[in-house]
Amino acid sequence: MYFVTSKQTGYLLFCTTANERSAIGLTEKQVVQILEPDSAASWKLVAEWPAEAYSHTDFMTALHSVAEPADARALLDCVPASIRRLTSG
């Protein structure tokens, strides 16, 4: 899977999947977020967890050889079960 990095207010890192079906963000408060498109100009939170529990780098590395899913919620399949229990959204 490929990611396209862009600027987004409130995020230290914000990137979308190549087809913009989902996004991964690291907030200024060190929270990893998975987002889905909500409209042409905004994103809706799907899940989040503390970066100290599972970093955005580890998550994105785990997605390297995965095909881009059609739905942002499918990204949760690639999150360890211990982190899935922490997710909200």
N, C-alpha and C. Protein backbone atom coordinates (compact mmCIF):
# COMPACT_ATOMS: atom_id res chain seq x y z
N MET A 1 0.85 -1.16 0.00
CA MET A 1 0.00 0.00 0.00
C MET A 1 0.90 1.23 0.00
N TYR A 2 0.48 2.22 -0.72
CA TYR A 2 1.21 3.47 -0.80
C TYR A 2 0.44 4.56 -0.07
N PHE A 3 1.19 5.53 0.46
CA PHE A 3 0.60 6.65 1.18
C PHE A 3 1.05 7.96 0.56
N VAL A 4 0.16 8.93 0.59
CA VAL A 4 0.46 10.27 0.10
C VAL A 4 0.37 11.21 1.30
N THR A 5 1.49 11.82 1.64
CA THR A 5 1.55 12.71 2.80
C THR A 5 1.05 14.10 2.42
N SER A 6 0.27 14.67 3.30
CA SER A 6 -0.21 16.04 3.08
C SER A 6 -0.29 16.76 4.42
N LYS A 7 -0.51 18.05 4.38
CA LYS A 7 -0.66 18.84 5.60
C LYS A 7 -2.12 18.86 6.00
N GLN A 8 -2.33 18.74 7.29
CA GLN A 8 -3.68 18.80 7.84
C GLN A 8 -3.55 19.43 9.24
N THR A 9 -4.29 20.46 9.51
CA THR A 9 -4.23 21.13 10.79
C THR A 9 -4.49 20.15 11.93
N GLY A 10 -3.65 20.23 12.97
CA GLY A 10 -3.82 19.37 14.13
C GLY A 10 -3.05 18.06 14.07
N TYR A 11 -2.36 17.82 12.96
CA TYR A 11 -1.64 16.56 12.79
C TYR A 11 -0.15 16.80 12.57
N LEU A 12 0.67 15.98 13.21
CA LEU A 12 2.10 15.98 12.94
C LEU A 12 2.38 15.25 11.64
N LEU A 13 1.58 14.22 11.37
CA LEU A 13 1.67 13.45 10.13
C LEU A 13 0.24 13.17 9.69
N PHE A 14 -0.03 13.37 8.42
CA PHE A 14 -1.33 13.04 7.86
C PHE A 14 -1.09 12.52 6.47
N CYS A 15 -1.58 11.31 6.19
CA CYS A 15 -1.41 10.76 4.85
C CYS A 15 -2.65 9.97 4.47
N THR A 16 -2.88 9.93 3.18
CA THR A 16 -4.01 9.18 2.65
C THR A 16 -3.47 7.98 1.88
N THR A 17 -4.34 7.01 1.68
CA THR A 17 -3.98 5.92 0.78
C THR A 17 -4.03 6.49 -0.64
N ALA A 18 -3.45 5.80 -1.56
CA ALA A 18 -3.31 6.32 -2.93
C ALA A 18 -4.64 6.75 -3.55
N ASN A 19 -5.71 6.01 -3.29
CA ASN A 19 -7.01 6.34 -3.86
C ASN A 19 -7.89 7.16 -2.91
N GLU A 20 -7.29 7.63 -1.81
CA GLU A 20 -7.98 8.48 -0.82
C GLU A 20 -9.22 7.83 -0.22
N ARG A 21 -9.18 6.52 -0.05
CA ARG A 21 -10.28 5.81 0.58
C ARG A 21 -10.16 5.82 2.09
N SER A 22 -8.95 6.12 2.58
CA SER A 22 -8.71 6.20 4.01
C SER A 22 -7.49 7.06 4.26
N ALA A 23 -7.35 7.45 5.53
CA ALA A 23 -6.21 8.26 5.93
C ALA A 23 -5.71 7.79 7.28
N ILE A 24 -4.44 8.04 7.53
CA ILE A 24 -3.81 7.76 8.82
C ILE A 24 -3.20 9.06 9.30
N GLY A 25 -3.48 9.40 10.54
CA GLY A 25 -2.94 10.63 11.09
C GLY A 25 -2.31 10.40 12.44
N LEU A 26 -1.30 11.20 12.74
CA LEU A 26 -0.71 11.24 14.06
C LEU A 26 -0.97 12.63 14.60
N THR A 27 -1.77 12.73 15.66
CA THR A 27 -2.14 14.03 16.20
C THR A 27 -1.00 14.62 17.02
N GLU A 28 -1.15 15.90 17.32
CA GLU A 28 -0.17 16.58 18.16
C GLU A 28 -0.14 16.00 19.57
N LYS A 29 -1.20 15.30 19.96
CA LYS A 29 -1.27 14.66 21.29
C LYS A 29 -0.81 13.21 21.25
N GLN A 30 -0.12 12.82 20.14
CA GLN A 30 0.44 11.48 19.99
C GLN A 30 -0.63 10.39 19.98
N VAL A 31 -1.68 10.63 19.22
CA VAL A 31 -2.75 9.66 19.02
C VAL A 31 -2.76 9.30 17.54
N VAL A 32 -2.77 8.00 17.26
CA VAL A 32 -2.88 7.51 15.88
C VAL A 32 -4.36 7.42 15.55
N GLN A 33 -4.73 7.94 14.39
CA GLN A 33 -6.12 7.90 13.96
C GLN A 33 -6.25 7.30 12.57
N ILE A 34 -7.30 6.52 12.39
CA ILE A 34 -7.71 6.04 11.06
C ILE A 34 -8.96 6.83 10.71
N LEU A 35 -8.97 7.38 9.49
CA LEU A 35 -10.10 8.22 9.06
C LEU A 35 -10.62 7.76 7.71
N GLU A 36 -11.88 8.10 7.45
CA GLU A 36 -12.48 7.82 6.15
C GLU A 36 -13.04 9.12 5.59
N PRO A 37 -13.15 9.22 4.26
CA PRO A 37 -13.70 10.44 3.68
C PRO A 37 -15.13 10.67 4.14
N ASP A 38 -15.41 11.92 4.52
CA ASP A 38 -16.75 12.28 4.96
C ASP A 38 -17.43 13.15 3.91
N SER A 39 -16.65 13.97 3.27
CA SER A 39 -17.13 14.80 2.17
C SER A 39 -15.89 15.20 1.37
N ALA A 40 -16.07 16.01 0.38
CA ALA A 40 -14.95 16.39 -0.48
C ALA A 40 -13.81 17.05 0.29
N ALA A 41 -14.12 17.67 1.43
CA ALA A 41 -13.08 18.43 2.13
C ALA A 41 -12.85 17.99 3.57
N SER A 42 -13.46 16.90 4.02
CA SER A 42 -13.27 16.53 5.41
C SER A 42 -13.16 15.02 5.60
N TRP A 43 -12.74 14.65 6.79
CA TRP A 43 -12.50 13.26 7.15
C TRP A 43 -13.25 12.93 8.43
N LYS A 44 -13.71 11.68 8.54
CA LYS A 44 -14.46 11.20 9.70
C LYS A 44 -13.62 10.15 10.43
N LEU A 45 -13.56 10.26 11.74
CA LEU A 45 -12.79 9.33 12.56
C LEU A 45 -13.40 7.94 12.53
N VAL A 46 -12.56 6.93 12.29
CA VAL A 46 -12.98 5.53 12.31
C VAL A 46 -12.48 4.87 13.59
N ALA A 47 -11.22 5.13 13.94
CA ALA A 47 -10.62 4.52 15.13
C ALA A 47 -9.41 5.33 15.56
N GLU A 48 -9.04 5.21 16.82
CA GLU A 48 -7.84 5.87 17.32
C GLU A 48 -7.29 5.10 18.51
N TRP A 49 -5.99 5.28 18.75
CA TRP A 49 -5.32 4.67 19.89
C TRP A 49 -4.06 5.47 20.20
N PRO A 50 -3.52 5.32 21.41
CA PRO A 50 -2.30 6.04 21.77
C PRO A 50 -1.11 5.53 20.95
N ALA A 51 -0.31 6.46 20.46
CA ALA A 51 0.85 6.07 19.66
C ALA A 51 1.84 5.24 20.46
N GLU A 52 1.87 5.44 21.76
CA GLU A 52 2.79 4.66 22.59
C GLU A 52 2.41 3.17 22.61
N ALA A 53 1.14 2.87 22.35
CA ALA A 53 0.68 1.48 22.33
C ALA A 53 1.02 0.79 21.01
N TYR A 54 0.95 1.54 19.90
CA TYR A 54 1.25 1.00 18.56
C TYR A 54 1.47 2.21 17.66
N SER A 55 2.71 2.44 17.30
CA SER A 55 3.05 3.66 16.58
C SER A 55 2.50 3.68 15.15
N HIS A 56 2.36 4.89 14.64
CA HIS A 56 1.93 5.04 13.25
C HIS A 56 2.95 4.43 12.31
N THR A 57 4.22 4.49 12.67
CA THR A 57 5.28 3.90 11.84
C THR A 57 5.13 2.39 11.77
N ASP A 58 4.92 1.75 12.92
CA ASP A 58 4.73 0.29 12.92
C ASP A 58 3.48 -0.10 12.14
N PHE A 59 2.42 0.67 12.29
CA PHE A 59 1.18 0.39 11.58
C PHE A 59 1.36 0.51 10.08
N MET A 60 1.97 1.59 9.65
CA MET A 60 2.15 1.81 8.21
C MET A 60 3.13 0.79 7.62
N THR A 61 4.12 0.39 8.39
CA THR A 61 5.05 -0.64 7.92
C THR A 61 4.31 -1.97 7.75
N ALA A 62 3.41 -2.28 8.66
CA ALA A 62 2.62 -3.52 8.55
C ALA A 62 1.73 -3.52 7.32
N LEU A 63 1.35 -2.34 6.85
CA LEU A 63 0.48 -2.22 5.68
C LEU A 63 1.23 -2.24 4.36
N HIS A 64 2.55 -2.25 4.42
CA HIS A 64 3.37 -2.14 3.22
C HIS A 64 2.97 -3.11 2.11
N SER A 65 2.78 -4.37 2.44
CA SER A 65 2.50 -5.37 1.41
C SER A 65 1.01 -5.70 1.27
N VAL A 66 0.17 -4.88 1.89
CA VAL A 66 -1.27 -5.10 1.85
C VAL A 66 -1.87 -4.26 0.72
N ALA A 67 -2.83 -4.81 0.02
CA ALA A 67 -3.53 -4.04 -1.02
C ALA A 67 -4.44 -3.02 -0.35
N GLU A 68 -4.60 -1.88 -0.98
CA GLU A 68 -5.46 -0.83 -0.42
C GLU A 68 -6.90 -1.33 -0.35
N PRO A 69 -7.50 -1.30 0.84
CA PRO A 69 -8.89 -1.76 0.94
C PRO A 69 -9.87 -0.72 0.41
N ALA A 70 -11.05 -1.16 0.09
CA ALA A 70 -12.08 -0.25 -0.42
C ALA A 70 -12.68 0.59 0.71
N ASP A 71 -12.51 0.15 1.95
CA ASP A 71 -13.12 0.80 3.09
C ASP A 71 -12.07 1.02 4.19
N ALA A 72 -12.07 2.19 4.80
CA ALA A 72 -11.09 2.52 5.83
C ALA A 72 -11.18 1.57 7.02
N ARG A 73 -12.36 1.10 7.33
CA ARG A 73 -12.53 0.19 8.49
C ARG A 73 -11.78 -1.12 8.30
N ALA A 74 -11.53 -1.50 7.06
CA ALA A 74 -10.78 -2.72 6.79
C ALA A 74 -9.33 -2.61 7.26
N LEU A 75 -8.83 -1.39 7.43
CA LEU A 75 -7.48 -1.22 7.94
C LEU A 75 -7.35 -1.78 9.36
N LEU A 76 -8.44 -1.81 10.09
CA LEU A 76 -8.40 -2.35 11.45
C LEU A 76 -8.05 -3.83 11.47
N ASP A 77 -8.25 -4.53 10.36
CA ASP A 77 -7.86 -5.93 10.27
C ASP A 77 -6.35 -6.10 10.40
N CYS A 78 -5.60 -5.04 10.14
CA CYS A 78 -4.14 -5.08 10.20
C CYS A 78 -3.58 -4.58 11.53
N VAL A 79 -4.46 -4.24 12.44
CA VAL A 79 -4.05 -3.77 13.76
C VAL A 79 -4.04 -4.97 14.71
N PRO A 80 -3.01 -5.11 15.53
CA PRO A 80 -2.99 -6.22 16.49
C PRO A 80 -4.24 -6.22 17.37
N ALA A 81 -4.67 -7.40 17.77
CA ALA A 81 -5.88 -7.54 18.57
C ALA A 81 -5.83 -6.72 19.85
N SER A 82 -4.66 -6.63 20.47
CA SER A 82 -4.54 -5.85 21.69
C SER A 82 -4.83 -4.37 21.45
N ILE A 83 -4.52 -3.88 20.28
CA ILE A 83 -4.78 -2.49 19.94
C ILE A 83 -6.24 -2.31 19.53
N ARG A 84 -6.80 -3.30 18.85
CA ARG A 84 -8.22 -3.22 18.45
C ARG A 84 -9.11 -3.01 19.66
N ARG A 85 -8.71 -3.61 20.80
CA ARG A 85 -9.50 -3.44 22.02
C ARG A 85 -9.43 -2.01 22.54
N LEU A 86 -8.37 -1.27 22.18
CA LEU A 86 -8.21 0.12 22.62
C LEU A 86 -8.91 1.11 21.72
N THR A 87 -9.25 0.69 20.51
CA THR A 87 -9.76 1.63 19.52
C THR A 87 -11.12 2.16 19.90
N SER A 88 -11.34 3.37 19.46
CA SER A 88 -12.66 3.99 19.61
C SER A 88 -12.95 4.74 18.34
N GLY A 89 -14.17 5.10 18.13
CA GLY A 89 -14.52 5.86 16.94
C GLY A 89 -15.65 5.22 16.20
